[in-house]
Amino acid sequence: MNADIQVVQVNDPRLQHLTAAGYVVVGESWGARLRLSDPAKFTALEAAVVAATDQGFLIEELAASWAPQVTALEAVNHADYPYTPATSVPHRNEFDVLELWESGRHLYGAINDGNSLPSASSA
Protein backbone atom coordinates (compact mmCIF):
# COMPACT_ATOMS: atom_id res chain seq x y z
CA MET A 1 0.00 0.00 0.00
CA ASN A 2 1.19 3.50 -0.78
CA ALA A 3 1.74 5.87 2.13
CA ASP A 4 0.72 8.99 0.23
CA ILE A 5 -2.83 10.10 -0.46
CA GLN A 6 -4.16 11.06 -3.86
CA VAL A 7 -7.41 12.99 -4.23
CA VAL A 8 -9.18 12.26 -7.52
CA GLN A 9 -12.71 12.46 -8.84
CA VAL A 10 -14.56 9.23 -9.52
CA ASN A 11 -14.40 9.87 -13.29
CA ASP A 12 -10.68 10.69 -13.30
CA PRO A 13 -8.85 8.25 -15.63
CA ARG A 14 -5.99 8.08 -13.11
CA LEU A 15 -8.28 6.29 -10.63
CA GLN A 16 -7.98 2.97 -12.46
CA HIS A 17 -4.18 3.28 -12.64
CA LEU A 18 -3.92 4.24 -8.97
CA THR A 19 -6.09 1.29 -7.95
CA ALA A 20 -3.95 -1.07 -10.06
CA ALA A 21 -0.85 0.35 -8.36
CA GLY A 22 -2.19 -0.58 -4.92
CA TYR A 23 -4.08 2.51 -3.83
CA VAL A 24 -7.35 1.99 -2.01
CA VAL A 25 -10.29 4.34 -1.59
CA VAL A 26 -10.32 5.58 1.99
CA GLY A 27 -13.06 8.18 1.66
CA GLU A 28 -15.53 9.71 -0.69
CA SER A 29 -16.67 13.29 -0.88
CA TRP A 30 -20.32 14.23 -0.89
CA GLY A 31 -22.16 17.46 -0.61
CA ALA A 32 -25.48 19.15 -0.87
CA ARG A 33 -24.61 21.60 -3.58
CA LEU A 34 -26.95 21.85 -6.53
CA ARG A 35 -25.32 22.32 -9.91
CA LEU A 36 -27.75 22.55 -12.77
CA SER A 37 -27.22 21.05 -16.19
CA ASP A 38 -28.13 22.98 -19.30
CA PRO A 39 -31.01 22.55 -19.76
CA ALA A 40 -31.78 22.01 -16.10
CA LYS A 41 -33.22 18.64 -15.09
CA PHE A 42 -35.26 18.92 -11.92
CA THR A 43 -36.85 15.44 -11.80
CA ALA A 44 -34.92 14.12 -8.79
CA LEU A 45 -35.15 17.46 -6.96
CA GLU A 46 -38.89 17.71 -7.59
CA ALA A 47 -39.39 14.13 -6.30
CA ALA A 48 -37.51 14.98 -3.08
CA VAL A 49 -39.59 18.12 -2.56
CA VAL A 50 -42.84 16.21 -3.17
CA ALA A 51 -41.80 13.47 -0.72
CA ALA A 52 -40.93 16.05 1.95
CA THR A 53 -44.09 18.11 1.47
CA ASP A 54 -46.18 14.92 1.55
CA GLN A 55 -44.75 14.38 5.05
CA GLY A 56 -45.78 17.89 6.12
CA PHE A 57 -42.50 19.74 5.61
CA LEU A 58 -42.36 23.23 4.15
CA ILE A 59 -39.52 23.60 1.63
CA GLU A 60 -38.30 27.14 1.14
CA GLU A 61 -35.30 29.31 0.53
CA LEU A 62 -33.93 30.51 3.84
CA ALA A 63 -33.21 34.13 4.67
CA ALA A 64 -30.14 35.10 6.69
CA SER A 65 -32.42 35.31 9.75
CA TRP A 66 -32.21 31.48 9.81
CA ALA A 67 -28.46 31.64 10.59
CA PRO A 68 -28.90 30.63 14.27
CA GLN A 69 -30.89 27.52 13.34
CA VAL A 70 -28.51 26.58 10.50
CA THR A 71 -25.56 27.02 12.86
CA ALA A 72 -27.24 24.78 15.47
CA LEU A 73 -28.11 22.16 12.83
CA GLU A 74 -24.52 22.06 11.59
CA ALA A 75 -23.21 21.73 15.15
CA VAL A 76 -25.53 18.81 15.95
CA ASN A 77 -24.60 17.00 12.72
CA HIS A 78 -20.90 17.86 12.55
CA ALA A 79 -19.74 14.44 13.75
CA ASP A 80 -21.75 12.82 10.94
CA TYR A 81 -19.91 14.66 8.17
CA PRO A 82 -17.27 12.48 6.52
CA TYR A 83 -13.68 13.52 6.92
CA THR A 84 -11.01 12.70 4.38
CA PRO A 85 -8.28 14.81 2.81
CA ALA A 86 -10.86 15.66 0.12
CA THR A 87 -13.64 16.53 2.56
CA SER A 88 -13.52 18.49 5.70
CA VAL A 89 -16.24 20.63 7.18
CA PRO A 90 -15.02 23.28 9.56
CA HIS A 91 -16.83 23.99 12.80
CA ARG A 92 -18.73 27.14 11.89
CA ASN A 93 -20.09 29.76 14.24
CA GLU A 94 -23.03 32.00 13.40
CA PHE A 95 -20.76 34.63 11.83
CA ASP A 96 -19.29 31.97 9.51
CA VAL A 97 -22.77 30.75 8.57
CA LEU A 98 -23.88 34.31 7.77
CA GLU A 99 -20.97 34.46 5.33
CA LEU A 100 -22.77 31.82 3.23
CA TRP A 101 -25.50 34.35 2.41
CA GLU A 102 -23.03 37.20 2.03
CA SER A 103 -21.04 35.16 -0.51
CA GLY A 104 -24.12 34.86 -2.70
CA ARG A 105 -25.15 31.32 -1.85
CA HIS A 106 -28.79 30.32 -1.61
CA LEU A 107 -29.76 28.10 1.31
CA TYR A 108 -32.89 25.96 1.36
CA GLY A 109 -34.47 24.11 4.22
CA ALA A 110 -37.09 21.52 5.04
CA ILE A 111 -39.00 23.17 7.86
CA ASN A 112 -41.14 20.98 10.11
CA ASP A 113 -42.89 23.44 12.43
CA GLY A 114 -42.03 26.91 11.27
CA ASN A 115 -39.17 27.23 13.73
CA SER A 116 -36.73 24.42 13.17
CA LEU A 117 -34.80 22.80 10.37
CA PRO A 118 -34.56 19.03 10.29
CA SER A 119 -32.29 19.41 7.25
CA ALA A 120 -30.74 22.17 5.20
CA SER A 121 -28.49 22.52 2.19
CA SER A 122 -26.73 25.29 0.31
CA ALA A 123 -26.33 25.81 -3.38
C-alpha atoms as a PDB file:
ATOM      1  CA  MET A   1       0.000   0.000   0.000  1.00  0.00           C
ATOM      2  CA  ASN A   2       1.187   3.504  -0.785  1.00  0.00           C
ATOM      3  CA  ALA A   3       1.735   5.869   2.130  1.00  0.00           C
ATOM      4  CA  ASP A   4       0.717   8.993   0.234  1.00  0.00           C
ATOM      5  CA  ILE A   5      -2.834  10.100  -0.461  1.00  0.00           C
ATOM      6  CA  GLN A   6      -4.162  11.064  -3.861  1.00  0.00           C
ATOM      7  CA  VAL A   7      -7.412  12.993  -4.227  1.00  0.00           C
ATOM      8  CA  VAL A   8      -9.182  12.260  -7.519  1.00  0.00           C
ATOM      9  CA  GLN A   9     -12.711  12.462  -8.837  1.00  0.00           C
ATOM     10  CA  VAL A  10     -14.559   9.226  -9.520  1.00  0.00           C
ATOM     11  CA  ASN A  11     -14.398   9.871 -13.289  1.00  0.00           C
ATOM     12  CA  ASP A  12     -10.677  10.686 -13.299  1.00  0.00           C
ATOM     13  CA  PRO A  13      -8.849   8.248 -15.632  1.00  0.00           C
ATOM     14  CA  ARG A  14      -5.987   8.077 -13.107  1.00  0.00           C
ATOM     15  CA  LEU A  15      -8.278   6.294 -10.631  1.00  0.00           C
ATOM     16  CA  GLN A  16      -7.977   2.969 -12.456  1.00  0.00           C
ATOM     17  CA  HIS A  17      -4.182   3.277 -12.635  1.00  0.00           C
ATOM     18  CA  LEU A  18      -3.916   4.238  -8.974  1.00  0.00           C
ATOM     19  CA  THR A  19      -6.086   1.286  -7.951  1.00  0.00           C
ATOM     20  CA  ALA A  20      -3.953  -1.065 -10.056  1.00  0.00           C
ATOM     21  CA  ALA A  21      -0.845   0.354  -8.358  1.00  0.00           C
ATOM     22  CA  GLY A  22      -2.189  -0.580  -4.916  1.00  0.00           C
ATOM     23  CA  TYR A  23      -4.079   2.514  -3.831  1.00  0.00           C
ATOM     24  CA  VAL A  24      -7.355   1.994  -2.008  1.00  0.00           C
ATOM     25  CA  VAL A  25     -10.294   4.340  -1.593  1.00  0.00           C
ATOM     26  CA  VAL A  26     -10.322   5.580   1.990  1.00  0.00           C
ATOM     27  CA  GLY A  27     -13.056   8.182   1.665  1.00  0.00           C
ATOM     28  CA  GLU A  28     -15.535   9.711  -0.686  1.00  0.00           C
ATOM     29  CA  SER A  29     -16.671  13.294  -0.876  1.00  0.00           C
ATOM     30  CA  TRP A  30     -20.319  14.230  -0.886  1.00  0.00           C
ATOM     31  CA  GLY A  31     -22.157  17.463  -0.608  1.00  0.00           C
ATOM     32  CA  ALA A  32     -25.483  19.153  -0.867  1.00  0.00           C
ATOM     33  CA  ARG A  33     -24.614  21.598  -3.582  1.00  0.00           C
ATOM     34  CA  LEU A  34     -26.948  21.847  -6.533  1.00  0.00           C
ATOM     35  CA  ARG A  35     -25.320  22.318  -9.905  1.00  0.00           C
ATOM     36  CA  LEU A  36     -27.750  22.549 -12.774  1.00  0.00           C
ATOM     37  CA  SER A  37     -27.220  21.050 -16.191  1.00  0.00           C
ATOM     38  CA  ASP A  38     -28.133  22.978 -19.304  1.00  0.00           C
ATOM     39  CA  PRO A  39     -31.011  22.551 -19.759  1.00  0.00           C
ATOM     40  CA  ALA A  40     -31.776  22.013 -16.096  1.00  0.00           C
ATOM     41  CA  LYS A  41     -33.224  18.637 -15.090  1.00  0.00           C
ATOM     42  CA  PHE A  42     -35.260  18.920 -11.919  1.00  0.00           C
ATOM     43  CA  THR A  43     -36.851  15.445 -11.798  1.00  0.00           C
ATOM     44  CA  ALA A  44     -34.918  14.118  -8.788  1.00  0.00           C
ATOM     45  CA  LEU A  45     -35.150  17.456  -6.959  1.00  0.00           C
ATOM     46  CA  GLU A  46     -38.891  17.709  -7.590  1.00  0.00           C
ATOM     47  CA  ALA A  47     -39.390  14.132  -6.299  1.00  0.00           C
ATOM     48  CA  ALA A  48     -37.511  14.977  -3.080  1.00  0.00           C
ATOM     49  CA  VAL A  49     -39.591  18.122  -2.562  1.00  0.00           C
ATOM     50  CA  VAL A  50     -42.844  16.207  -3.168  1.00  0.00           C
ATOM     51  CA  ALA A  51     -41.796  13.470  -0.720  1.00  0.00           C
ATOM     52  CA  ALA A  52     -40.931  16.054   1.948  1.00  0.00           C
ATOM     53  CA  THR A  53     -44.087  18.110   1.474  1.00  0.00           C
ATOM     54  CA  ASP A  54     -46.178  14.920   1.552  1.00  0.00           C
ATOM     55  CA  GLN A  55     -44.751  14.384   5.047  1.00  0.00           C
ATOM     56  CA  GLY A  56     -45.779  17.887   6.116  1.00  0.00           C
ATOM     57  CA  PHE A  57     -42.498  19.738   5.608  1.00  0.00           C
ATOM     58  CA  LEU A  58     -42.363  23.226   4.148  1.00  0.00           C
ATOM     59  CA  ILE A  59     -39.520  23.597   1.634  1.00  0.00           C
ATOM     60  CA  GLU A  60     -38.302  27.137   1.142  1.00  0.00           C
ATOM     61  CA  GLU A  61     -35.300  29.315   0.526  1.00  0.00           C
ATOM     62  CA  LEU A  62     -33.927  30.508   3.838  1.00  0.00           C
ATOM     63  CA  ALA A  63     -33.209  34.128   4.669  1.00  0.00           C
ATOM     64  CA  ALA A  64     -30.141  35.100   6.692  1.00  0.00           C
ATOM     65  CA  SER A  65     -32.423  35.306   9.751  1.00  0.00           C
ATOM     66  CA  TRP A  66     -32.209  31.483   9.806  1.00  0.00           C
ATOM     67  CA  ALA A  67     -28.461  31.636  10.588  1.00  0.00           C
ATOM     68  CA  PRO A  68     -28.897  30.625  14.270  1.00  0.00           C
ATOM     69  CA  GLN A  69     -30.894  27.518  13.340  1.00  0.00           C
ATOM     70  CA  VAL A  70     -28.512  26.575  10.499  1.00  0.00           C
ATOM     71  CA  THR A  71     -25.558  27.017  12.864  1.00  0.00           C
ATOM     72  CA  ALA A  72     -27.235  24.777  15.465  1.00  0.00           C
ATOM     73  CA  LEU A  73     -28.107  22.160  12.826  1.00  0.00           C
ATOM     74  CA  GLU A  74     -24.516  22.057  11.592  1.00  0.00           C
ATOM     75  CA  ALA A  75     -23.211  21.729  15.153  1.00  0.00           C
ATOM     76  CA  VAL A  76     -25.527  18.811  15.952  1.00  0.00           C
ATOM     77  CA  ASN A  77     -24.603  17.001  12.722  1.00  0.00           C
ATOM     78  CA  HIS A  78     -20.903  17.860  12.545  1.00  0.00           C
ATOM     79  CA  ALA A  79     -19.742  14.439  13.748  1.00  0.00           C
ATOM     80  CA  ASP A  80     -21.750  12.815  10.942  1.00  0.00           C
ATOM     81  CA  TYR A  81     -19.905  14.659   8.167  1.00  0.00           C
ATOM     82  CA  PRO A  82     -17.265  12.485   6.522  1.00  0.00           C
ATOM     83  CA  TYR A  83     -13.675  13.523   6.923  1.00  0.00           C
ATOM     84  CA  THR A  84     -11.013  12.703   4.380  1.00  0.00           C
ATOM     85  CA  PRO A  85      -8.275  14.809   2.806  1.00  0.00           C
ATOM     86  CA  ALA A  86     -10.860  15.659   0.120  1.00  0.00           C
ATOM     87  CA  THR A  87     -13.638  16.526   2.556  1.00  0.00           C
ATOM     88  CA  SER A  88     -13.522  18.489   5.698  1.00  0.00           C
ATOM     89  CA  VAL A  89     -16.240  20.626   7.181  1.00  0.00           C
ATOM     90  CA  PRO A  90     -15.023  23.275   9.562  1.00  0.00           C
ATOM     91  CA  HIS A  91     -16.826  23.995  12.803  1.00  0.00           C
ATOM     92  CA  ARG A  92     -18.731  27.145  11.887  1.00  0.00           C
ATOM     93  CA  ASN A  93     -20.086  29.755  14.238  1.00  0.00           C
ATOM     94  CA  GLU A  94     -23.032  31.996  13.398  1.00  0.00           C
ATOM     95  CA  PHE A  95     -20.762  34.626  11.827  1.00  0.00           C
ATOM     96  CA  ASP A  96     -19.290  31.973   9.513  1.00  0.00           C
ATOM     97  CA  VAL A  97     -22.772  30.749   8.573  1.00  0.00           C
ATOM     98  CA  LEU A  98     -23.884  34.314   7.771  1.00  0.00           C
ATOM     99  CA  GLU A  99     -20.973  34.460   5.329  1.00  0.00           C
ATOM    100  CA  LEU A 100     -22.771  31.821   3.232  1.00  0.00           C
ATOM    101  CA  TRP A 101     -25.502  34.346   2.413  1.00  0.00           C
ATOM    102  CA  GLU A 102     -23.035  37.201   2.027  1.00  0.00           C
ATOM    103  CA  SER A 103     -21.045  35.163  -0.506  1.00  0.00           C
ATOM    104  CA  GLY A 104     -24.124  34.864  -2.695  1.00  0.00           C
ATOM    105  CA  ARG A 105     -25.148  31.322  -1.847  1.00  0.00           C
ATOM    106  CA  HIS A 106     -28.793  30.321  -1.610  1.00  0.00           C
ATOM    107  CA  LEU A 107     -29.762  28.103   1.308  1.00  0.00           C
ATOM    108  CA  TYR A 108     -32.889  25.956   1.357  1.00  0.00           C
ATOM    109  CA  GLY A 109     -34.466  24.108   4.223  1.00  0.00           C
ATOM    110  CA  ALA A 110     -37.091  21.521   5.044  1.00  0.00           C
ATOM    111  CA  ILE A 111     -38.996  23.170   7.864  1.00  0.00           C
ATOM    112  CA  ASN A 112     -41.136  20.980  10.112  1.00  0.00           C
ATOM    113  CA  ASP A 113     -42.891  23.436  12.429  1.00  0.00           C
ATOM    114  CA  GLY A 114     -42.034  26.915  11.272  1.00  0.00           C
ATOM    115  CA  ASN A 115     -39.172  27.228  13.733  1.00  0.00           C
ATOM    116  CA  SER A 116     -36.730  24.419  13.169  1.00  0.00           C
ATOM    117  CA  LEU A 117     -34.798  22.802  10.374  1.00  0.00           C
ATOM    118  CA  PRO A 118     -34.555  19.035  10.289  1.00  0.00           C
ATOM    119  CA  SER A 119     -32.289  19.410   7.251  1.00  0.00           C
ATOM    120  CA  ALA A 120     -30.744  22.169   5.200  1.00  0.00           C
ATOM    121  CA  SER A 121     -28.491  22.524   2.194  1.00  0.00           C
ATOM    122  CA  SER A 122     -26.729  25.287   0.314  1.00  0.00           C
ATOM    123  CA  ALA A 123     -26.333  25.806  -3.382  1.00  0.00           C
END
